[in-house]
Amino acid sequence: MFAMRHMNRRKAGTVTGETPVRRRLVGSALRRYRENVGYALEDAARVLECDRSKISRIETGQRGIRPKELRELLTEYGVPESDQAALLAIASRGGQRGWWHPYAGSFSAAYLDFVIMESVASEIMCYEAQLVPGLLQTEDYAGAIAAAGPGDTTSGQREDAIAAMAARRQAVLTGSSGPSGSAGSSGSAGSAGSAGSAGSAVSAGSAGRRLWVVLGEGALHQEVGGPGVLAGQIRHLVQLSEDLPDLTLQVLPFTAGAHAAAGSASLAILRFSDAPSLGVVYVEALSGGVYLESQTDVARYIRAFALLRASALSAADSVHLLRSLGA
């Protein structure tokens, strides 16, 4: 439902405020770096030869910052090159053409920010209690979820959401942002007889992006689209687990009982290469969701995810369970 909840709802995904999450992430990092070296707003303003109010608006995410200015501030603050590269990628990626461009006009600003950050993330951690995550769904499974929506979207919006999810899957799982030809192959896995061919379509790998998924056992029994679609989806999960070396899929069994994420049914965490201080958490909700980027919040969710993984079955045991259910 992730894409569906952000189609043509400009305010639905910005529960935490209208300020774009990418700007907040970059701005809060700049403020932290500035304070670490003991600079006042006036000192930073002198670097850019601007008014202190501009620095303040940048740091609070109220306005963006050009890559050249961002580089100047980061260099002045003595920020390591690796952290600079991560922040520059986050800040400038939106201006580059990506898989999301054909759908950008239909997405909420918050969701567009999320997928842009996802495209430069080096690590994605995802937990779903009741549904297979969108990145691992077959086309039939995704279509069944879209059809079950609350009815406040048009058929065209639902079709756009399904197409966007297919393009997102291809980009994240294979590292390719070209035409989503493999999405159709992946989608054919939703039918009972073609799950085997779906996995080969994404076997190229995710270009070094690490994907950790913890899936509640309940999702493997929720008959989304009916028994045939669910069976095809489960076989597709097995295929992905075998074909994608950068994917670790673990099932959280019913026997795990209470666990660290019991208060959330869906969450995702993004982290960025060589910049451990940067991260974003997305907590799903029916009306859109909440984005968290403070170091404290991100650290709390990373700890919770680590505990969640410890409570889940190992990757090997998870595949064994999936095989037994999909047989």
C-alpha atoms as a PDB file:
ATOM      1  CA  MET A   1       0.000   0.000   0.000  1.00  0.00           C
ATOM      2  CA  PHE A   2       3.019   2.314   0.319  1.00  0.00           C
ATOM      3  CA  ALA A   3       2.677   3.951  -3.101  1.00  0.00           C
ATOM      4  CA  MET A   4      -1.121   3.917  -3.035  1.00  0.00           C
ATOM      5  CA  ARG A   5      -1.206   5.945   0.158  1.00  0.00           C
ATOM      6  CA  HIS A   6       0.862   8.662  -1.471  1.00  0.00           C
ATOM      7  CA  MET A   7      -0.823   8.949  -4.858  1.00  0.00           C
ATOM      8  CA  ASN A   8      -2.130  12.479  -5.425  1.00  0.00           C
ATOM      9  CA  ARG A   9      -2.302  13.254  -1.703  1.00  0.00           C
ATOM     10  CA  ARG A  10       0.029  16.193  -1.293  1.00  0.00           C
ATOM     11  CA  LYS A  11      -0.534  16.475   2.469  1.00  0.00           C
ATOM     12  CA  ALA A  12      -1.121  12.873   3.463  1.00  0.00           C
ATOM     13  CA  GLY A  13       2.525  11.921   3.802  1.00  0.00           C
ATOM     14  CA  THR A  14       3.676  14.987   5.669  1.00  0.00           C
ATOM     15  CA  VAL A  15       2.177  14.385   9.087  1.00  0.00           C
ATOM     16  CA  THR A  16       5.305  15.765  10.698  1.00  0.00           C
ATOM     17  CA  GLY A  17       4.982  19.058   8.772  1.00  0.00           C
ATOM     18  CA  GLU A  18       5.109  20.478   5.258  1.00  0.00           C
ATOM     19  CA  THR A  19       8.887  20.852   5.210  1.00  0.00           C
ATOM     20  CA  PRO A  20      10.331  18.219   2.825  1.00  0.00           C
ATOM     21  CA  VAL A  21      12.128  15.459   4.695  1.00  0.00           C
ATOM     22  CA  ARG A  22      15.238  15.712   2.498  1.00  0.00           C
ATOM     23  CA  ARG A  23      15.609  19.380   3.402  1.00  0.00           C
ATOM     24  CA  ARG A  24      15.122  18.582   7.078  1.00  0.00           C
ATOM     25  CA  LEU A  25      17.755  15.850   6.924  1.00  0.00           C
ATOM     26  CA  VAL A  26      20.327  18.036   5.180  1.00  0.00           C
ATOM     27  CA  GLY A  27      19.486  21.061   7.320  1.00  0.00           C
ATOM     28  CA  SER A  28      19.718  19.243  10.642  1.00  0.00           C
ATOM     29  CA  ALA A  29      23.051  17.725   9.599  1.00  0.00           C
ATOM     30  CA  LEU A  30      24.394  21.177   8.683  1.00  0.00           C
ATOM     31  CA  ARG A  31      23.294  22.564  12.032  1.00  0.00           C
ATOM     32  CA  ARG A  32      24.945  19.680  13.882  1.00  0.00           C
ATOM     33  CA  TYR A  33      28.219  20.107  11.966  1.00  0.00           C
ATOM     34  CA  ARG A  34      28.161  23.874  12.541  1.00  0.00           C
ATOM     35  CA  GLU A  35      27.607  23.547  16.263  1.00  0.00           C
ATOM     36  CA  ASN A  36      30.308  20.863  16.519  1.00  0.00           C
ATOM     37  CA  VAL A  37      32.918  23.377  15.371  1.00  0.00           C
ATOM     38  CA  GLY A  38      31.499  26.152  17.532  1.00  0.00           C
ATOM     39  CA  TYR A  39      30.274  28.353  14.690  1.00  0.00           C
ATOM     40  CA  ALA A  40      27.386  30.775  15.159  1.00  0.00           C
ATOM     41  CA  LEU A  41      24.853  31.450  12.406  1.00  0.00           C
ATOM     42  CA  GLU A  42      26.767  34.617  11.568  1.00  0.00           C
ATOM     43  CA  ASP A  43      29.970  32.618  11.002  1.00  0.00           C
ATOM     44  CA  ALA A  44      28.219  30.296   8.553  1.00  0.00           C
ATOM     45  CA  ALA A  45      26.620  33.283   6.829  1.00  0.00           C
ATOM     46  CA  ARG A  46      30.061  34.801   6.240  1.00  0.00           C
ATOM     47  CA  VAL A  47      31.155  31.614   4.459  1.00  0.00           C
ATOM     48  CA  LEU A  48      28.331  31.962   1.944  1.00  0.00           C
ATOM     49  CA  GLU A  49      28.345  35.782   2.062  1.00  0.00           C
ATOM     50  CA  CYS A  50      24.662  35.834   2.903  1.00  0.00           C
ATOM     51  CA  ASP A  51      22.286  36.853   5.672  1.00  0.00           C
ATOM     52  CA  ARG A  52      22.132  34.716   8.827  1.00  0.00           C
ATOM     53  CA  SER A  53      18.406  34.209   8.206  1.00  0.00           C
ATOM     54  CA  LYS A  54      19.242  32.234   5.077  1.00  0.00           C
ATOM     55  CA  ILE A  55      21.412  29.845   7.093  1.00  0.00           C
ATOM     56  CA  SER A  56      18.642  29.518   9.666  1.00  0.00           C
ATOM     57  CA  ARG A  57      16.055  28.683   6.979  1.00  0.00           C
ATOM     58  CA  ILE A  58      18.397  26.117   5.413  1.00  0.00           C
ATOM     59  CA  GLU A  59      19.047  24.440   8.760  1.00  0.00           C
ATOM     60  CA  THR A  60      15.326  24.211   9.563  1.00  0.00           C
ATOM     61  CA  GLY A  61      14.530  22.852   6.095  1.00  0.00           C
ATOM     62  CA  GLN A  62      12.472  25.880   5.086  1.00  0.00           C
ATOM     63  CA  ARG A  63      14.586  26.362   1.983  1.00  0.00           C
ATOM     64  CA  GLY A  64      16.969  24.282  -0.050  1.00  0.00           C
ATOM     65  CA  ILE A  65      20.657  24.786  -0.671  1.00  0.00           C
ATOM     66  CA  ARG A  66      22.633  24.644  -3.897  1.00  0.00           C
ATOM     67  CA  PRO A  67      25.251  21.858  -4.141  1.00  0.00           C
ATOM     68  CA  LYS A  68      28.074  24.447  -4.423  1.00  0.00           C
ATOM     69  CA  GLU A  69      26.972  26.181  -1.214  1.00  0.00           C
ATOM     70  CA  LEU A  70      26.502  22.874   0.562  1.00  0.00           C
ATOM     71  CA  ARG A  71      30.027  21.820  -0.372  1.00  0.00           C
ATOM     72  CA  GLU A  72      31.438  25.153   0.849  1.00  0.00           C
ATOM     73  CA  LEU A  73      29.779  24.847   4.250  1.00  0.00           C
ATOM     74  CA  LEU A  74      30.712  21.202   4.721  1.00  0.00           C
ATOM     75  CA  THR A  75      34.322  21.914   3.801  1.00  0.00           C
ATOM     76  CA  GLU A  76      34.423  24.880   6.194  1.00  0.00           C
ATOM     77  CA  TYR A  77      33.056  22.657   8.980  1.00  0.00           C
ATOM     78  CA  GLY A  78      35.735  20.018   8.327  1.00  0.00           C
ATOM     79  CA  VAL A  79      33.207  17.318   7.442  1.00  0.00           C
ATOM     80  CA  PRO A  80      34.864  14.127   6.092  1.00  0.00           C
ATOM     81  CA  GLU A  81      34.656  13.613   2.339  1.00  0.00           C
ATOM     82  CA  SER A  82      32.507  10.488   2.737  1.00  0.00           C
ATOM     83  CA  ASP A  83      29.857  12.360   4.727  1.00  0.00           C
ATOM     84  CA  GLN A  84      29.999  15.221   2.237  1.00  0.00           C
ATOM     85  CA  ALA A  85      29.348  12.830  -0.637  1.00  0.00           C
ATOM     86  CA  ALA A  86      26.328  11.322   1.109  1.00  0.00           C
ATOM     87  CA  LEU A  87      24.752  14.700   1.876  1.00  0.00           C
ATOM     88  CA  LEU A  88      25.427  16.028  -1.622  1.00  0.00           C
ATOM     89  CA  ALA A  89      23.806  12.924  -3.124  1.00  0.00           C
ATOM     90  CA  ILE A  90      20.723  13.351  -0.942  1.00  0.00           C
ATOM     91  CA  ALA A  91      20.439  17.072  -1.675  1.00  0.00           C
ATOM     92  CA  SER A  92      21.015  16.939  -5.432  1.00  0.00           C
ATOM     93  CA  ARG A  93      19.480  13.602  -6.463  1.00  0.00           C
ATOM     94  CA  GLY A  94      16.031  15.125  -6.986  1.00  0.00           C
ATOM     95  CA  GLY A  95      17.323  17.169  -9.892  1.00  0.00           C
ATOM     96  CA  GLN A  96      18.534  14.061 -11.698  1.00  0.00           C
ATOM     97  CA  ARG A  97      16.286  11.869 -13.800  1.00  0.00           C
ATOM     98  CA  GLY A  98      15.245   8.706 -11.976  1.00  0.00           C
ATOM     99  CA  TRP A  99      12.607   6.005 -12.222  1.00  0.00           C
ATOM    100  CA  TRP A 100      10.155   8.239 -10.341  1.00  0.00           C
ATOM    101  CA  HIS A 101      10.058  11.032 -12.931  1.00  0.00           C
ATOM    102  CA  PRO A 102       7.070   9.698 -14.923  1.00  0.00           C
ATOM    103  CA  TYR A 103       5.076   9.514 -11.676  1.00  0.00           C
ATOM    104  CA  ALA A 104       6.394  12.603  -9.865  1.00  0.00           C
ATOM    105  CA  GLY A 105       3.265  14.644 -10.571  1.00  0.00           C
ATOM    106  CA  SER A 106       1.090  12.034  -8.891  1.00  0.00           C
ATOM    107  CA  PHE A 107       3.178  11.478  -5.759  1.00  0.00           C
ATOM    108  CA  SER A 108       2.965  13.433  -2.550  1.00  0.00           C
ATOM    109  CA  ALA A 109       6.058  15.551  -1.930  1.00  0.00           C
ATOM    110  CA  ALA A 110       6.904  13.411   1.103  1.00  0.00           C
ATOM    111  CA  TYR A 111       6.791  10.125  -0.821  1.00  0.00           C
ATOM    112  CA  LEU A 112       8.833  11.622  -3.658  1.00  0.00           C
ATOM    113  CA  ASP A 113      11.446  12.666  -1.106  1.00  0.00           C
ATOM    114  CA  PHE A 114      11.477   9.154   0.353  1.00  0.00           C
ATOM    115  CA  VAL A 115      12.059   7.339  -2.954  1.00  0.00           C
ATOM    116  CA  ILE A 116      14.759   9.846  -3.922  1.00  0.00           C
ATOM    117  CA  MET A 117      16.569   9.158  -0.649  1.00  0.00           C
ATOM    118  CA  GLU A 118      15.974   5.427  -1.096  1.00  0.00           C
ATOM    119  CA  SER A 119      17.730   5.619  -4.479  1.00  0.00           C
ATOM    120  CA  VAL A 120      20.975   6.778  -2.830  1.00  0.00           C
ATOM    121  CA  ALA A 121      20.666   4.736   0.377  1.00  0.00           C
ATOM    122  CA  SER A 122      23.239   2.024   0.943  1.00  0.00           C
ATOM    123  CA  GLU A 123      21.071   0.125   3.410  1.00  0.00           C
ATOM    124  CA  ILE A 124      17.307  -0.376   3.624  1.00  0.00           C
ATOM    125  CA  MET A 125      15.755  -2.026   6.662  1.00  0.00           C
ATOM    126  CA  CYS A 126      12.092  -2.930   6.399  1.00  0.00           C
ATOM    127  CA  TYR A 127       9.541  -4.552   8.706  1.00  0.00           C
ATOM    128  CA  GLU A 128       6.020  -5.574   7.700  1.00  0.00           C
ATOM    129  CA  ALA A 129       3.679  -7.388  10.060  1.00  0.00           C
ATOM    130  CA  GLN A 130       0.758  -8.245   7.778  1.00  0.00           C
ATOM    131  CA  LEU A 131       1.722  -7.677   4.148  1.00  0.00           C
ATOM    132  CA  VAL A 132       4.652  -8.531   1.909  1.00  0.00           C
ATOM    133  CA  PRO A 133       6.715  -5.306   1.460  1.00  0.00           C
ATOM    134  CA  GLY A 134       6.172  -3.486  -1.808  1.00  0.00           C
ATOM    135  CA  LEU A 135       9.770  -4.104  -2.923  1.00  0.00           C
ATOM    136  CA  LEU A 136       9.193  -7.870  -2.835  1.00  0.00           C
ATOM    137  CA  GLN A 137       5.634  -8.046  -4.183  1.00  0.00           C
ATOM    138  CA  THR A 138       4.550  -9.711  -7.383  1.00  0.00           C
ATOM    139  CA  GLU A 139       2.383  -7.721  -9.763  1.00  0.00           C
ATOM    140  CA  ASP A 140      -0.706  -9.790  -8.967  1.00  0.00           C
ATOM    141  CA  TYR A 141      -0.191  -9.352  -5.223  1.00  0.00           C
ATOM    142  CA  ALA A 142       0.342  -5.593  -5.623  1.00  0.00           C
ATOM    143  CA  GLY A 143      -2.756  -5.366  -7.824  1.00  0.00           C
ATOM    144  CA  ALA A 144      -4.875  -7.146  -5.232  1.00  0.00           C
ATOM    145  CA  ILE A 145      -3.731  -4.708  -2.530  1.00  0.00           C
ATOM    146  CA  ALA A 146      -4.462  -1.712  -4.757  1.00  0.00           C
ATOM    147  CA  ALA A 147      -7.939  -3.073  -5.542  1.00  0.00           C
ATOM    148  CA  ALA A 148      -8.688  -3.442  -1.831  1.00  0.00           C
ATOM    149  CA  GLY A 149      -8.051   0.247  -1.112  1.00  0.00           C
ATOM    150  CA  PRO A 150     -10.652   2.464   0.559  1.00  0.00           C
ATOM    151  CA  GLY A 151     -12.001   3.669  -2.798  1.00  0.00           C
ATOM    152  CA  ASP A 152     -10.775   7.275  -2.663  1.00  0.00           C
ATOM    153  CA  THR A 153      -8.549   6.847  -5.724  1.00  0.00           C
ATOM    154  CA  THR A 154      -9.420   6.477  -9.384  1.00  0.00           C
ATOM    155  CA  SER A 155      -8.605   3.442 -11.493  1.00  0.00           C
ATOM    156  CA  GLY A 156      -5.979   5.539 -13.267  1.00  0.00           C
ATOM    157  CA  GLN A 157      -4.313   6.413  -9.980  1.00  0.00           C
ATOM    158  CA  ARG A 158      -4.296   2.765  -8.966  1.00  0.00           C
ATOM    159  CA  GLU A 159      -2.711   1.800 -12.293  1.00  0.00           C
ATOM    160  CA  ASP A 160      -0.084   4.520 -11.835  1.00  0.00           C
ATOM    161  CA  ALA A 161       0.629   3.246  -8.314  1.00  0.00           C
ATOM    162  CA  ILE A 162       1.112  -0.324  -9.539  1.00  0.00           C
ATOM    163  CA  ALA A 163       3.378   0.837 -12.383  1.00  0.00           C
ATOM    164  CA  ALA A 164       5.365   3.013  -9.983  1.00  0.00           C
ATOM    165  CA  MET A 165       5.831   0.112  -7.579  1.00  0.00           C
ATOM    166  CA  ALA A 166       7.090  -2.082 -10.420  1.00  0.00           C
ATOM    167  CA  ALA A 167       9.592   0.588 -11.482  1.00  0.00           C
ATOM    168  CA  ARG A 168      10.682   1.057  -7.866  1.00  0.00           C
ATOM    169  CA  ARG A 169      11.220  -2.688  -7.419  1.00  0.00           C
ATOM    170  CA  GLN A 170      13.368  -2.877 -10.520  1.00  0.00           C
ATOM    171  CA  ALA A 171      15.460   0.137  -9.530  1.00  0.00           C
ATOM    172  CA  VAL A 172      16.068  -0.967  -5.941  1.00  0.00           C
ATOM    173  CA  LEU A 173      16.504  -4.699  -6.503  1.00  0.00           C
ATOM    174  CA  THR A 174      18.514  -4.597  -9.728  1.00  0.00           C
ATOM    175  CA  GLY A 175      20.094  -1.139  -9.612  1.00  0.00           C
ATOM    176  CA  SER A 176      18.460  -0.387 -12.965  1.00  0.00           C
ATOM    177  CA  SER A 177      16.184   2.588 -13.582  1.00  0.00           C
ATOM    178  CA  GLY A 178      15.432   1.767 -17.183  1.00  0.00           C
ATOM    179  CA  PRO A 179      12.118   0.579 -18.597  1.00  0.00           C
ATOM    180  CA  SER A 180      10.407  -1.738 -16.187  1.00  0.00           C
ATOM    181  CA  GLY A 181      10.405  -4.715 -18.483  1.00  0.00           C
ATOM    182  CA  SER A 182      11.389  -7.047 -15.710  1.00  0.00           C
ATOM    183  CA  ALA A 183       8.488  -5.856 -13.614  1.00  0.00           C
ATOM    184  CA  GLY A 184       6.165  -7.758 -15.855  1.00  0.00           C
ATOM    185  CA  SER A 185       8.217 -10.889 -15.434  1.00  0.00           C
ATOM    186  CA  SER A 186       8.260 -10.333 -11.741  1.00  0.00           C
ATOM    187  CA  GLY A 187       4.544  -9.790 -11.790  1.00  0.00           C
ATOM    188  CA  SER A 188       3.899 -13.071 -13.589  1.00  0.00           C
ATOM    189  CA  ALA A 189       5.076 -14.740 -10.447  1.00  0.00           C
ATOM    190  CA  GLY A 190       1.779 -13.763  -8.917  1.00  0.00           C
ATOM    191  CA  SER A 191       0.048 -16.504 -10.899  1.00  0.00           C
ATOM    192  CA  ALA A 192       0.384 -19.949  -9.489  1.00  0.00           C
ATOM    193  CA  GLY A 193       2.250 -21.412 -12.391  1.00  0.00           C
ATOM    194  CA  SER A 194       5.013 -18.918 -13.123  1.00  0.00           C
ATOM    195  CA  ALA A 195       6.789 -18.065  -9.897  1.00  0.00           C
ATOM    196  CA  GLY A 196       9.950 -19.817 -10.987  1.00  0.00           C
ATOM    197  CA  SER A 197      10.688 -17.466 -13.881  1.00  0.00           C
ATOM    198  CA  ALA A 198      10.132 -14.318 -11.842  1.00  0.00           C
ATOM    199  CA  GLY A 199      13.249 -14.491  -9.724  1.00  0.00           C
ATOM    200  CA  SER A 200      15.622 -14.612 -12.698  1.00  0.00           C
ATOM    201  CA  ALA A 201      14.345 -11.193 -13.740  1.00  0.00           C
ATOM    202  CA  VAL A 202      15.921  -9.599 -10.666  1.00  0.00           C
ATOM    203  CA  SER A 203      18.996 -11.751 -10.286  1.00  0.00           C
ATOM    204  CA  ALA A 204      21.333  -8.942 -11.297  1.00  0.00           C
ATOM    205  CA  GLY A 205      21.558  -7.755  -7.711  1.00  0.00           C
ATOM    206  CA  SER A 206      21.020  -4.357  -6.128  1.00  0.00           C
ATOM    207  CA  ALA A 207      24.320  -2.666  -7.025  1.00  0.00           C
ATOM    208  CA  GLY A 208      25.686  -2.968  -3.492  1.00  0.00           C
ATOM    209  CA  ARG A 209      22.565  -1.739  -1.719  1.00  0.00           C
ATOM    210  CA  ARG A 210      21.861  -3.914   1.317  1.00  0.00           C
ATOM    211  CA  LEU A 211      18.220  -4.827   1.930  1.00  0.00           C
ATOM    212  CA  TRP A 212      17.116  -6.304   5.257  1.00  0.00           C
ATOM    213  CA  VAL A 213      13.496  -7.453   5.506  1.00  0.00           C
ATOM    214  CA  VAL A 214      11.692  -8.853   8.534  1.00  0.00           C
ATOM    215  CA  LEU A 215       8.284 -10.225   7.577  1.00  0.00           C
ATOM    216  CA  GLY A 216       5.622 -11.192  10.094  1.00  0.00           C
ATOM    217  CA  GLU A 217       4.404 -14.768   9.694  1.00  0.00           C
ATOM    218  CA  GLY A 218       0.863 -13.426   9.497  1.00  0.00           C
ATOM    219  CA  ALA A 219       1.655 -11.994   6.050  1.00  0.00           C
ATOM    220  CA  LEU A 220       2.264 -15.529   4.797  1.00  0.00           C
ATOM    221  CA  HIS A 221      -1.264 -16.560   5.743  1.00  0.00           C
ATOM    222  CA  GLN A 222      -3.181 -13.417   4.721  1.00  0.00           C
ATOM    223  CA  GLU A 223      -4.671 -14.568   1.407  1.00  0.00           C
ATOM    224  CA  VAL A 224      -4.168 -11.357  -0.544  1.00  0.00           C
ATOM    225  CA  GLY A 225      -5.664 -11.965  -3.995  1.00  0.00           C
ATOM    226  CA  GLY A 226      -6.695 -15.490  -3.019  1.00  0.00           C
ATOM    227  CA  PRO A 227      -4.760 -18.720  -2.407  1.00  0.00           C
ATOM    228  CA  GLY A 228      -3.178 -18.812  -5.875  1.00  0.00           C
ATOM    229  CA  VAL A 229      -1.803 -15.290  -5.731  1.00  0.00           C
ATOM    230  CA  LEU A 230      -0.473 -15.833  -2.223  1.00  0.00           C
ATOM    231  CA  ALA A 231       1.196 -19.116  -3.225  1.00  0.00           C
ATOM    232  CA  GLY A 232       2.853 -17.406  -6.188  1.00  0.00           C
ATOM    233  CA  GLN A 233       4.000 -14.589  -3.918  1.00  0.00           C
ATOM    234  CA  ILE A 234       5.539 -16.986  -1.437  1.00  0.00           C
ATOM    235  CA  ARG A 235       7.405 -18.800  -4.217  1.00  0.00           C
ATOM    236  CA  HIS A 236       8.603 -15.436  -5.454  1.00  0.00           C
ATOM    237  CA  LEU A 237      10.022 -14.668  -1.998  1.00  0.00           C
ATOM    238  CA  VAL A 238      11.947 -17.936  -2.099  1.00  0.00           C
ATOM    239  CA  GLN A 239      13.309 -17.064  -5.541  1.00  0.00           C
ATOM    240  CA  LEU A 240      14.375 -13.592  -4.455  1.00  0.00           C
ATOM    241  CA  SER A 241      16.093 -14.967  -1.349  1.00  0.00           C
ATOM    242  CA  GLU A 242      18.099 -17.332  -3.538  1.00  0.00           C
ATOM    243  CA  ASP A 243      18.898 -14.908  -6.362  1.00  0.00           C
ATOM    244  CA  LEU A 244      19.702 -11.658  -4.551  1.00  0.00           C
ATOM    245  CA  PRO A 245      22.893 -11.823  -2.450  1.00  0.00           C
ATOM    246  CA  ASP A 246      22.222  -8.373  -0.979  1.00  0.00           C
ATOM    247  CA  LEU A 247      18.795  -9.371   0.341  1.00  0.00           C
ATOM    248  CA  THR A 248      18.356 -10.896   3.788  1.00  0.00           C
ATOM    249  CA  LEU A 249      14.774 -12.004   4.407  1.00  0.00           C
ATOM    250  CA  GLN A 250      13.720 -13.234   7.845  1.00  0.00           C
ATOM    251  CA  VAL A 251      10.297 -14.348   9.003  1.00  0.00           C
ATOM    252  CA  LEU A 252       9.118 -13.310  12.456  1.00  0.00           C
ATOM    253  CA  PRO A 253       7.189 -16.402  13.625  1.00  0.00           C
ATOM    254  CA  PHE A 254       4.011 -16.381  15.694  1.00  0.00           C
ATOM    255  CA  THR A 255       5.994 -18.122  18.413  1.00  0.00           C
ATOM    256  CA  ALA A 256       8.191 -15.023  18.855  1.00  0.00           C
ATOM    257  CA  GLY A 257       5.424 -13.504  20.950  1.00  0.00           C
ATOM    258  CA  ALA A 258       5.944  -9.888  22.070  1.00  0.00           C
ATOM    259  CA  HIS A 259       8.781  -8.182  20.206  1.00  0.00           C
ATOM    260  CA  ALA A 260      10.558  -4.854  19.799  1.00  0.00           C
ATOM    261  CA  ALA A 261       8.302  -3.603  16.985  1.00  0.00           C
ATOM    262  CA  ALA A 262       5.009  -4.765  18.446  1.00  0.00           C
ATOM    263  CA  GLY A 263       3.732  -1.186  18.379  1.00  0.00           C
ATOM    264  CA  SER A 264       4.254  -0.786  14.634  1.00  0.00           C
ATOM    265  CA  ALA A 265       2.858  -2.782  11.733  1.00  0.00           C
ATOM    266  CA  SER A 266       5.095  -1.245   9.089  1.00  0.00           C
ATOM    267  CA  LEU A 267       8.364   0.677   9.095  1.00  0.00           C
ATOM    268  CA  ALA A 268      11.386   1.354   6.919  1.00  0.00           C
ATOM    269  CA  ILE A 269      14.834   2.711   7.769  1.00  0.00           C
ATOM    270  CA  LEU A 270      17.257   4.240   5.272  1.00  0.00           C
ATOM    271  CA  ARG A 271      20.974   4.586   5.932  1.00  0.00           C
ATOM    272  CA  PHE A 272      23.687   6.095   3.750  1.00  0.00           C
ATOM    273  CA  SER A 273      27.138   4.878   2.812  1.00  0.00           C
ATOM    274  CA  ASP A 274      30.019   6.116   4.968  1.00  0.00           C
ATOM    275  CA  ALA A 275      27.703   8.487   6.858  1.00  0.00           C
ATOM    276  CA  PRO A 276      26.475   6.614   9.944  1.00  0.00           C
ATOM    277  CA  SER A 277      25.126   9.831  11.456  1.00  0.00           C
ATOM    278  CA  LEU A 278      22.557  10.129   8.651  1.00  0.00           C
ATOM    279  CA  GLY A 279      19.353   8.161   8.450  1.00  0.00           C
ATOM    280  CA  VAL A 280      15.606   8.363   7.914  1.00  0.00           C
ATOM    281  CA  VAL A 281      12.766   6.325   9.413  1.00  0.00           C
ATOM    282  CA  TYR A 282       9.362   5.989   7.782  1.00  0.00           C
ATOM    283  CA  VAL A 283       6.484   4.679   9.915  1.00  0.00           C
ATOM    284  CA  GLU A 284       3.458   3.684   7.846  1.00  0.00           C
ATOM    285  CA  ALA A 285      -0.080   4.887   8.552  1.00  0.00           C
ATOM    286  CA  LEU A 286      -3.352   4.694   6.628  1.00  0.00           C
ATOM    287  CA  SER A 287      -3.295   8.436   5.971  1.00  0.00           C
ATOM    288  CA  GLY A 288       0.303   8.486   4.765  1.00  0.00           C
ATOM    289  CA  GLY A 289       2.860   8.091   7.506  1.00  0.00           C
ATOM    290  CA  VAL A 290       5.459   9.831   9.631  1.00  0.00           C
ATOM    291  CA  TYR A 291       9.067  10.590   8.703  1.00  0.00           C
ATOM    292  CA  LEU A 292      11.725  10.795  11.414  1.00  0.00           C
ATOM    293  CA  GLU A 293      15.298  11.944  10.795  1.00  0.00           C
ATOM    294  CA  SER A 294      16.742  12.966  14.163  1.00  0.00           C
ATOM    295  CA  GLN A 295      19.764  10.964  15.272  1.00  0.00           C
ATOM    296  CA  THR A 296      17.949   9.913  18.447  1.00  0.00           C
ATOM    297  CA  ASP A 297      14.901   8.586  16.601  1.00  0.00           C
ATOM    298  CA  VAL A 298      16.940   6.819  13.940  1.00  0.00           C
ATOM    299  CA  ALA A 299      19.170   5.163  16.562  1.00  0.00           C
ATOM    300  CA  ARG A 300      16.114   4.023  18.530  1.00  0.00           C
ATOM    301  CA  TYR A 301      14.564   2.368  15.471  1.00  0.00           C
ATOM    302  CA  ILE A 302      17.846   0.778  14.403  1.00  0.00           C
ATOM    303  CA  ARG A 303      18.138  -0.800  17.861  1.00  0.00           C
ATOM    304  CA  ALA A 304      14.527  -1.987  17.653  1.00  0.00           C
ATOM    305  CA  PHE A 305      15.171  -3.495  14.211  1.00  0.00           C
ATOM    306  CA  ALA A 306      18.253  -5.332  15.494  1.00  0.00           C
ATOM    307  CA  LEU A 307      16.156  -6.825  18.311  1.00  0.00           C
ATOM    308  CA  LEU A 308      13.474  -7.694  15.781  1.00  0.00           C
ATOM    309  CA  ARG A 309      15.992  -9.583  13.646  1.00  0.00           C
ATOM    310  CA  ALA A 310      17.216 -11.432  16.734  1.00  0.00           C
ATOM    311  CA  SER A 311      13.637 -12.572  17.433  1.00  0.00           C
ATOM    312  CA  ALA A 312      13.053 -13.703  13.852  1.00  0.00           C
ATOM    313  CA  LEU A 313      14.008 -16.980  12.205  1.00  0.00           C
ATOM    314  CA  SER A 314      17.393 -17.116  10.528  1.00  0.00           C
ATOM    315  CA  ALA A 315      17.464 -16.454   6.785  1.00  0.00           C
ATOM    316  CA  ALA A 316      17.943 -20.180   6.085  1.00  0.00           C
ATOM    317  CA  ASP A 317      15.112 -21.234   8.383  1.00  0.00           C
ATOM    318  CA  SER A 318      12.905 -18.536   6.882  1.00  0.00           C
ATOM    319  CA  VAL A 319      13.437 -19.913   3.368  1.00  0.00           C
ATOM    320  CA  HIS A 320      12.679 -23.395   4.675  1.00  0.00           C
ATOM    321  CA  LEU A 321       9.385 -22.125   6.118  1.00  0.00           C
ATOM    322  CA  LEU A 322       8.541 -20.304   2.880  1.00  0.00           C
ATOM    323  CA  ARG A 323       9.172 -23.438   0.847  1.00  0.00           C
ATOM    324  CA  SER A 324       6.877 -25.466   3.085  1.00  0.00           C
ATOM    325  CA  LEU A 325       4.087 -22.892   2.721  1.00  0.00           C
ATOM    326  CA  GLY A 326       4.504 -22.378  -1.004  1.00  0.00           C
ATOM    327  CA  ALA A 327       4.641 -26.045  -1.934  1.00  0.00           C
END
